Amino acid sequence: MTSDAPQKTISLLLVDDHPVVRDGLRGMFESAPGFTVLGEAASGVEALERAAALDPDVVLMDLRMPGGGGVDAIRELTRRGARAKVLVLTTYDTDSDTLPAIEAGATGYLLKDAPRDELFTAVRAAAEGRTVLSPAVATRLVSAVRTPRSPGNEPLSAREREVLALVAKGTSNREIARELFISEATVKTHLTHLYAKLGVNDRAAAVATAYDRGILG
């Protein structure tokens, strides 16, 4: 049996750095029954402020934006325990975009070429806490889960890059510790991690591999 009960109106916050995209999304949702757009934001930082002030059901979040990206905003919303569900709507479906967004706490991930009905369905699902992924993104996530990260595939952290850059200059562990205001033990830990990520066993190989892959230089 189908229920004749009226659908709950879902409130939205639109986050995208392009005004034309936000205008298009606003027009699309405001012309459809069951949705209301509470506000807009042009960056991740602004999204956090607007989400706190407006308390939307769903945040429609772009990822790559000047002035604060979407992944950091998703992570912070999750940390704050925000009620809003985040549905990523972006042009990008690379592993470097999808995996961090899902890990940060996004409820769903769609690409901007999704048909409007698919977008409406995804927003309703996200509001209910159900995961929605575009087919391309779902395939990537399944592959990522099934395929362990091999050496050289995992990105270096900002601190590991700093340590590596100093290693490339011939800086000793003691000098690196002094330069970065950390202990020598911490330097050794960073080196161990970046060796594993680069698939090497020593400083020289790490530097050579980093130059070869464009991480340095």
C-alpha atoms as a PDB file:
ATOM      1  CA  MET A   1       0.000   0.000   0.000  1.00  0.00           C
ATOM      2  CA  THR A   2       1.171   3.505  -0.719  1.00  0.00           C
ATOM      3  CA  SER A   3       0.863   6.189   1.922  1.00  0.00           C
ATOM      4  CA  ASP A   4      -1.109   9.335   1.189  1.00  0.00           C
ATOM      5  CA  ALA A   5       0.683  11.205   4.005  1.00  0.00           C
ATOM      6  CA  PRO A   6       2.341  14.386   2.735  1.00  0.00           C
ATOM      7  CA  GLN A   7       6.094  14.248   2.332  1.00  0.00           C
ATOM      8  CA  LYS A   8       8.116  16.180   4.875  1.00  0.00           C
ATOM      9  CA  THR A   9       9.637  19.298   3.342  1.00  0.00           C
ATOM     10  CA  ILE A  10      13.426  18.932   3.207  1.00  0.00           C
ATOM     11  CA  SER A  11      15.459  22.049   3.949  1.00  0.00           C
ATOM     12  CA  LEU A  12      18.675  22.635   2.006  1.00  0.00           C
ATOM     13  CA  LEU A  13      21.895  24.617   2.181  1.00  0.00           C
ATOM     14  CA  LEU A  14      23.580  24.995  -1.229  1.00  0.00           C
ATOM     15  CA  VAL A  15      27.393  25.200  -1.167  1.00  0.00           C
ATOM     16  CA  ASP A  16      29.230  25.998  -4.400  1.00  0.00           C
ATOM     17  CA  ASP A  17      31.695  28.735  -5.357  1.00  0.00           C
ATOM     18  CA  HIS A  18      29.929  29.391  -8.681  1.00  0.00           C
ATOM     19  CA  PRO A  19      26.884  31.694  -8.371  1.00  0.00           C
ATOM     20  CA  VAL A  20      25.423  30.336 -11.624  1.00  0.00           C
ATOM     21  CA  VAL A  21      25.472  26.786 -10.227  1.00  0.00           C
ATOM     22  CA  ARG A  22      23.841  27.913  -6.980  1.00  0.00           C
ATOM     23  CA  ASP A  23      21.167  29.843  -8.894  1.00  0.00           C
ATOM     24  CA  GLY A  24      20.444  26.790 -11.048  1.00  0.00           C
ATOM     25  CA  LEU A  25      20.161  24.494  -8.038  1.00  0.00           C
ATOM     26  CA  ARG A  26      17.980  26.958  -6.145  1.00  0.00           C
ATOM     27  CA  GLY A  27      15.616  27.284  -9.101  1.00  0.00           C
ATOM     28  CA  MET A  28      15.475  23.526  -9.539  1.00  0.00           C
ATOM     29  CA  PHE A  29      14.667  22.752  -5.899  1.00  0.00           C
ATOM     30  CA  GLU A  30      12.308  25.664  -5.334  1.00  0.00           C
ATOM     31  CA  SER A  31      10.245  24.624  -8.358  1.00  0.00           C
ATOM     32  CA  ALA A  32       9.853  21.087  -6.996  1.00  0.00           C
ATOM     33  CA  PRO A  33       7.463  20.152  -4.177  1.00  0.00           C
ATOM     34  CA  GLY A  34       8.962  18.932  -0.908  1.00  0.00           C
ATOM     35  CA  PHE A  35      12.080  21.109  -0.840  1.00  0.00           C
ATOM     36  CA  THR A  36      12.990  24.499   0.581  1.00  0.00           C
ATOM     37  CA  VAL A  37      16.330  26.274   0.158  1.00  0.00           C
ATOM     38  CA  LEU A  38      17.347  27.991   3.394  1.00  0.00           C
ATOM     39  CA  GLY A  39      20.530  29.595   2.111  1.00  0.00           C
ATOM     40  CA  GLU A  40      23.741  29.428   0.110  1.00  0.00           C
ATOM     41  CA  ALA A  41      27.478  29.457   0.751  1.00  0.00           C
ATOM     42  CA  ALA A  42      30.464  29.947  -1.555  1.00  0.00           C
ATOM     43  CA  SER A  43      33.145  28.130   0.469  1.00  0.00           C
ATOM     44  CA  GLY A  44      33.619  25.453   3.084  1.00  0.00           C
ATOM     45  CA  VAL A  45      34.236  28.054   5.790  1.00  0.00           C
ATOM     46  CA  GLU A  46      31.054  29.924   4.906  1.00  0.00           C
ATOM     47  CA  ALA A  47      29.196  26.602   4.763  1.00  0.00           C
ATOM     48  CA  LEU A  48      30.071  25.921   8.411  1.00  0.00           C
ATOM     49  CA  GLU A  49      28.766  29.329   9.466  1.00  0.00           C
ATOM     50  CA  ARG A  50      25.560  28.996   7.451  1.00  0.00           C
ATOM     51  CA  ALA A  51      24.928  25.408   8.572  1.00  0.00           C
ATOM     52  CA  ALA A  52      25.248  26.447  12.212  1.00  0.00           C
ATOM     53  CA  ALA A  53      22.859  29.375  11.709  1.00  0.00           C
ATOM     54  CA  LEU A  54      20.260  27.665   9.491  1.00  0.00           C
ATOM     55  CA  ASP A  55      20.316  24.010  10.666  1.00  0.00           C
ATOM     56  CA  PRO A  56      19.333  22.495   7.271  1.00  0.00           C
ATOM     57  CA  ASP A  57      18.328  18.870   6.769  1.00  0.00           C
ATOM     58  CA  VAL A  58      20.775  18.432   3.900  1.00  0.00           C
ATOM     59  CA  VAL A  59      23.901  20.315   2.813  1.00  0.00           C
ATOM     60  CA  LEU A  60      24.543  20.028  -0.931  1.00  0.00           C
ATOM     61  CA  MET A  61      28.332  20.382  -0.959  1.00  0.00           C
ATOM     62  CA  ASP A  62      30.805  21.080  -3.739  1.00  0.00           C
ATOM     63  CA  LEU A  63      34.374  19.934  -3.000  1.00  0.00           C
ATOM     64  CA  ARG A  64      36.962  22.167  -4.647  1.00  0.00           C
ATOM     65  CA  MET A  65      36.363  25.778  -3.642  1.00  0.00           C
ATOM     66  CA  PRO A  66      38.694  28.678  -2.942  1.00  0.00           C
ATOM     67  CA  GLY A  67      38.477  29.914   0.616  1.00  0.00           C
ATOM     68  CA  GLY A  68      37.914  26.461   2.123  1.00  0.00           C
ATOM     69  CA  GLY A  69      37.216  23.133   0.446  1.00  0.00           C
ATOM     70  CA  GLY A  70      34.314  20.781   0.973  1.00  0.00           C
ATOM     71  CA  VAL A  71      36.166  17.875   2.602  1.00  0.00           C
ATOM     72  CA  ASP A  72      37.429  20.017   5.489  1.00  0.00           C
ATOM     73  CA  ALA A  73      33.924  21.412   5.966  1.00  0.00           C
ATOM     74  CA  ILE A  74      32.402  17.902   5.978  1.00  0.00           C
ATOM     75  CA  ARG A  75      34.978  16.754   8.509  1.00  0.00           C
ATOM     76  CA  GLU A  76      34.226  19.719  10.771  1.00  0.00           C
ATOM     77  CA  LEU A  77      30.454  19.264  10.489  1.00  0.00           C
ATOM     78  CA  THR A  78      30.942  15.627  11.497  1.00  0.00           C
ATOM     79  CA  ARG A  79      33.177  16.635  14.410  1.00  0.00           C
ATOM     80  CA  ARG A  80      30.564  19.112  15.623  1.00  0.00           C
ATOM     81  CA  GLY A  81      27.870  16.446  15.468  1.00  0.00           C
ATOM     82  CA  ALA A  82      25.795  18.562  13.060  1.00  0.00           C
ATOM     83  CA  ARG A  83      22.290  17.245  12.335  1.00  0.00           C
ATOM     84  CA  ALA A  84      22.582  18.006   8.624  1.00  0.00           C
ATOM     85  CA  LYS A  85      23.412  15.226   6.199  1.00  0.00           C
ATOM     86  CA  VAL A  86      26.007  16.127   3.559  1.00  0.00           C
ATOM     87  CA  LEU A  87      25.451  15.157  -0.060  1.00  0.00           C
ATOM     88  CA  VAL A  88      28.478  15.916  -2.219  1.00  0.00           C
ATOM     89  CA  LEU A  89      27.634  17.314  -5.651  1.00  0.00           C
ATOM     90  CA  THR A  90      30.770  17.834  -7.692  1.00  0.00           C
ATOM     91  CA  THR A  91      32.418  17.495 -11.089  1.00  0.00           C
ATOM     92  CA  TYR A  92      35.201  15.285  -9.736  1.00  0.00           C
ATOM     93  CA  ASP A  93      35.142  11.507  -9.264  1.00  0.00           C
ATOM     94  CA  THR A  94      38.837  10.774  -8.699  1.00  0.00           C
ATOM     95  CA  ASP A  95      39.980   8.685  -5.726  1.00  0.00           C
ATOM     96  CA  SER A  96      41.646  11.755  -4.220  1.00  0.00           C
ATOM     97  CA  ASP A  97      38.220  13.439  -4.063  1.00  0.00           C
ATOM     98  CA  THR A  98      35.757  10.643  -3.362  1.00  0.00           C
ATOM     99  CA  LEU A  99      37.568   8.696  -0.643  1.00  0.00           C
ATOM    100  CA  PRO A 100      38.417  11.660   1.620  1.00  0.00           C
ATOM    101  CA  ALA A 101      34.859  13.028   1.292  1.00  0.00           C
ATOM    102  CA  ILE A 102      33.271   9.719   2.290  1.00  0.00           C
ATOM    103  CA  GLU A 103      35.814   9.184   5.073  1.00  0.00           C
ATOM    104  CA  ALA A 104      35.109  12.706   6.354  1.00  0.00           C
ATOM    105  CA  GLY A 105      31.443  11.823   6.814  1.00  0.00           C
ATOM    106  CA  ALA A 106      29.543  12.591   3.598  1.00  0.00           C
ATOM    107  CA  THR A 107      26.260  10.673   3.368  1.00  0.00           C
ATOM    108  CA  GLY A 108      26.301  10.577  -0.425  1.00  0.00           C
ATOM    109  CA  TYR A 109      28.306  11.535  -3.503  1.00  0.00           C
ATOM    110  CA  LEU A 110      26.841  12.571  -6.860  1.00  0.00           C
ATOM    111  CA  LEU A 111      28.312  14.115  -9.975  1.00  0.00           C
ATOM    112  CA  LYS A 112      26.937  17.329 -11.443  1.00  0.00           C
ATOM    113  CA  ASP A 113      25.787  15.565 -14.596  1.00  0.00           C
ATOM    114  CA  ALA A 114      23.189  13.630 -12.575  1.00  0.00           C
ATOM    115  CA  PRO A 115      19.602  14.017 -13.912  1.00  0.00           C
ATOM    116  CA  ARG A 116      17.379  16.232 -11.762  1.00  0.00           C
ATOM    117  CA  ASP A 117      15.106  13.367 -10.682  1.00  0.00           C
ATOM    118  CA  GLU A 118      18.154  11.421  -9.542  1.00  0.00           C
ATOM    119  CA  LEU A 119      19.298  14.459  -7.579  1.00  0.00           C
ATOM    120  CA  PHE A 120      15.882  14.864  -5.922  1.00  0.00           C
ATOM    121  CA  THR A 121      15.852  11.169  -4.988  1.00  0.00           C
ATOM    122  CA  ALA A 122      19.381  11.421  -3.618  1.00  0.00           C
ATOM    123  CA  VAL A 123      18.521  14.431  -1.444  1.00  0.00           C
ATOM    124  CA  ARG A 124      15.480  12.639  -0.017  1.00  0.00           C
ATOM    125  CA  ALA A 125      17.603   9.563   0.689  1.00  0.00           C
ATOM    126  CA  ALA A 126      20.352  11.648   2.295  1.00  0.00           C
ATOM    127  CA  ALA A 127      17.785  13.376   4.519  1.00  0.00           C
ATOM    128  CA  GLU A 128      16.808   9.925   5.785  1.00  0.00           C
ATOM    129  CA  GLY A 129      20.444   9.033   6.409  1.00  0.00           C
ATOM    130  CA  ARG A 130      20.698   6.607   3.505  1.00  0.00           C
ATOM    131  CA  THR A 131      23.892   6.477   1.455  1.00  0.00           C
ATOM    132  CA  VAL A 132      23.621   7.503  -2.195  1.00  0.00           C
ATOM    133  CA  LEU A 133      26.521   7.134  -4.617  1.00  0.00           C
ATOM    134  CA  SER A 134      26.726   7.762  -8.339  1.00  0.00           C
ATOM    135  CA  PRO A 135      27.591   4.513 -10.190  1.00  0.00           C
ATOM    136  CA  ALA A 136      31.092   5.762 -11.091  1.00  0.00           C
ATOM    137  CA  VAL A 137      31.838   6.675  -7.476  1.00  0.00           C
ATOM    138  CA  ALA A 138      30.400   3.410  -6.138  1.00  0.00           C
ATOM    139  CA  THR A 139      32.693   1.467  -8.468  1.00  0.00           C
ATOM    140  CA  ARG A 140      35.715   3.446  -7.281  1.00  0.00           C
ATOM    141  CA  LEU A 141      34.882   2.889  -3.629  1.00  0.00           C
ATOM    142  CA  VAL A 142      34.411  -0.844  -4.116  1.00  0.00           C
ATOM    143  CA  SER A 143      37.779  -1.018  -5.912  1.00  0.00           C
ATOM    144  CA  ALA A 144      39.459   0.967  -3.146  1.00  0.00           C
ATOM    145  CA  VAL A 145      38.066  -1.337  -0.473  1.00  0.00           C
ATOM    146  CA  ARG A 146      39.014  -4.506  -2.335  1.00  0.00           C
ATOM    147  CA  THR A 147      42.481  -3.325  -3.382  1.00  0.00           C
ATOM    148  CA  PRO A 148      44.895  -2.646  -0.539  1.00  0.00           C
ATOM    149  CA  ARG A 149      46.932   0.499  -1.062  1.00  0.00           C
ATOM    150  CA  SER A 150      50.256  -0.523  -2.517  1.00  0.00           C
ATOM    151  CA  PRO A 151      53.487   1.310  -1.644  1.00  0.00           C
ATOM    152  CA  GLY A 152      53.684   4.620  -3.440  1.00  0.00           C
ATOM    153  CA  ASN A 153      49.919   5.075  -3.783  1.00  0.00           C
ATOM    154  CA  GLU A 154      49.263   6.647  -0.388  1.00  0.00           C
ATOM    155  CA  PRO A 155      49.799  10.420  -0.295  1.00  0.00           C
ATOM    156  CA  LEU A 156      52.322  11.944   2.097  1.00  0.00           C
ATOM    157  CA  SER A 157      51.055  14.183   4.877  1.00  0.00           C
ATOM    158  CA  ALA A 158      52.107  17.840   4.963  1.00  0.00           C
ATOM    159  CA  ARG A 159      54.561  17.103   7.798  1.00  0.00           C
ATOM    160  CA  GLU A 160      56.041  14.123   5.952  1.00  0.00           C
ATOM    161  CA  ARG A 161      56.599  16.363   2.932  1.00  0.00           C
ATOM    162  CA  GLU A 162      58.399  18.896   5.144  1.00  0.00           C
ATOM    163  CA  VAL A 163      60.649  16.179   6.558  1.00  0.00           C
ATOM    164  CA  LEU A 164      61.327  14.793   3.085  1.00  0.00           C
ATOM    165  CA  ALA A 165      62.231  18.237   1.728  1.00  0.00           C
ATOM    166  CA  LEU A 166      64.775  18.687   4.538  1.00  0.00           C
ATOM    167  CA  VAL A 167      66.156  15.184   3.954  1.00  0.00           C
ATOM    168  CA  ALA A 168      66.640  16.126   0.293  1.00  0.00           C
ATOM    169  CA  LYS A 169      68.823  19.051   1.464  1.00  0.00           C
ATOM    170  CA  GLY A 170      71.042  16.646   3.394  1.00  0.00           C
ATOM    171  CA  THR A 171      69.683  17.709   6.778  1.00  0.00           C
ATOM    172  CA  SER A 172      70.335  15.312   9.663  1.00  0.00           C
ATOM    173  CA  ASN A 173      67.566  13.984  11.901  1.00  0.00           C
ATOM    174  CA  ARG A 174      68.783  16.183  14.751  1.00  0.00           C
ATOM    175  CA  GLU A 175      68.746  19.276  12.542  1.00  0.00           C
ATOM    176  CA  ILE A 176      65.293  18.381  11.176  1.00  0.00           C
ATOM    177  CA  ALA A 177      63.993  18.034  14.743  1.00  0.00           C
ATOM    178  CA  ARG A 178      65.380  21.472  15.624  1.00  0.00           C
ATOM    179  CA  GLU A 179      64.062  23.066  12.428  1.00  0.00           C
ATOM    180  CA  LEU A 180      60.514  21.696  12.865  1.00  0.00           C
ATOM    181  CA  PHE A 181      60.413  21.948  16.681  1.00  0.00           C
ATOM    182  CA  ILE A 182      59.792  18.227  17.126  1.00  0.00           C
ATOM    183  CA  SER A 183      61.766  15.409  18.772  1.00  0.00           C
ATOM    184  CA  GLU A 184      64.260  13.201  16.943  1.00  0.00           C
ATOM    185  CA  ALA A 185      62.021  10.242  17.731  1.00  0.00           C
ATOM    186  CA  THR A 186      59.156  11.975  15.932  1.00  0.00           C
ATOM    187  CA  VAL A 187      61.413  12.643  12.947  1.00  0.00           C
ATOM    188  CA  LYS A 188      62.275   8.929  12.808  1.00  0.00           C
ATOM    189  CA  THR A 189      58.564   8.057  12.965  1.00  0.00           C
ATOM    190  CA  HIS A 190      57.802  10.395  10.049  1.00  0.00           C
ATOM    191  CA  LEU A 191      60.669   8.848   8.070  1.00  0.00           C
ATOM    192  CA  THR A 192      59.374   5.336   8.745  1.00  0.00           C
ATOM    193  CA  HIS A 193      55.928   6.324   7.517  1.00  0.00           C
ATOM    194  CA  LEU A 194      57.107   8.071   4.363  1.00  0.00           C
ATOM    195  CA  TYR A 195      59.492   5.190   3.535  1.00  0.00           C
ATOM    196  CA  ALA A 196      56.515   2.833   3.699  1.00  0.00           C
ATOM    197  CA  LYS A 197      54.364   5.120   1.564  1.00  0.00           C
ATOM    198  CA  LEU A 198      57.071   5.501  -1.065  1.00  0.00           C
ATOM    199  CA  GLY A 199      58.016   1.818  -0.972  1.00  0.00           C
ATOM    200  CA  VAL A 200      61.688   2.493  -0.115  1.00  0.00           C
ATOM    201  CA  ASN A 201      64.105   1.587   2.706  1.00  0.00           C
ATOM    202  CA  ASP A 202      66.449   4.561   3.089  1.00  0.00           C
ATOM    203  CA  ARG A 203      66.868   8.332   2.774  1.00  0.00           C
ATOM    204  CA  ALA A 204      68.583   8.288  -0.635  1.00  0.00           C
ATOM    205  CA  ALA A 205      65.913   6.094  -2.197  1.00  0.00           C
ATOM    206  CA  ALA A 206      63.171   8.225  -0.650  1.00  0.00           C
ATOM    207  CA  VAL A 207      64.609  11.404  -2.178  1.00  0.00           C
ATOM    208  CA  ALA A 208      65.189   9.775  -5.579  1.00  0.00           C
ATOM    209  CA  THR A 209      61.667   8.319  -5.654  1.00  0.00           C
ATOM    210  CA  ALA A 210      60.127  11.626  -4.541  1.00  0.00           C
ATOM    211  CA  TYR A 211      61.867  13.518  -7.368  1.00  0.00           C
ATOM    212  CA  ASP A 212      60.891  10.814  -9.849  1.00  0.00           C
ATOM    213  CA  ARG A 213      57.209  11.091  -8.867  1.00  0.00           C
ATOM    214  CA  GLY A 214      57.165  14.865  -8.761  1.00  0.00           C
ATOM    215  CA  ILE A 215      56.651  15.046  -4.994  1.00  0.00           C
ATOM    216  CA  LEU A 216      59.843  17.105  -4.739  1.00  0.00           C
ATOM    217  CA  GLY A 217      61.046  19.681  -7.202  1.00  0.00           C
END
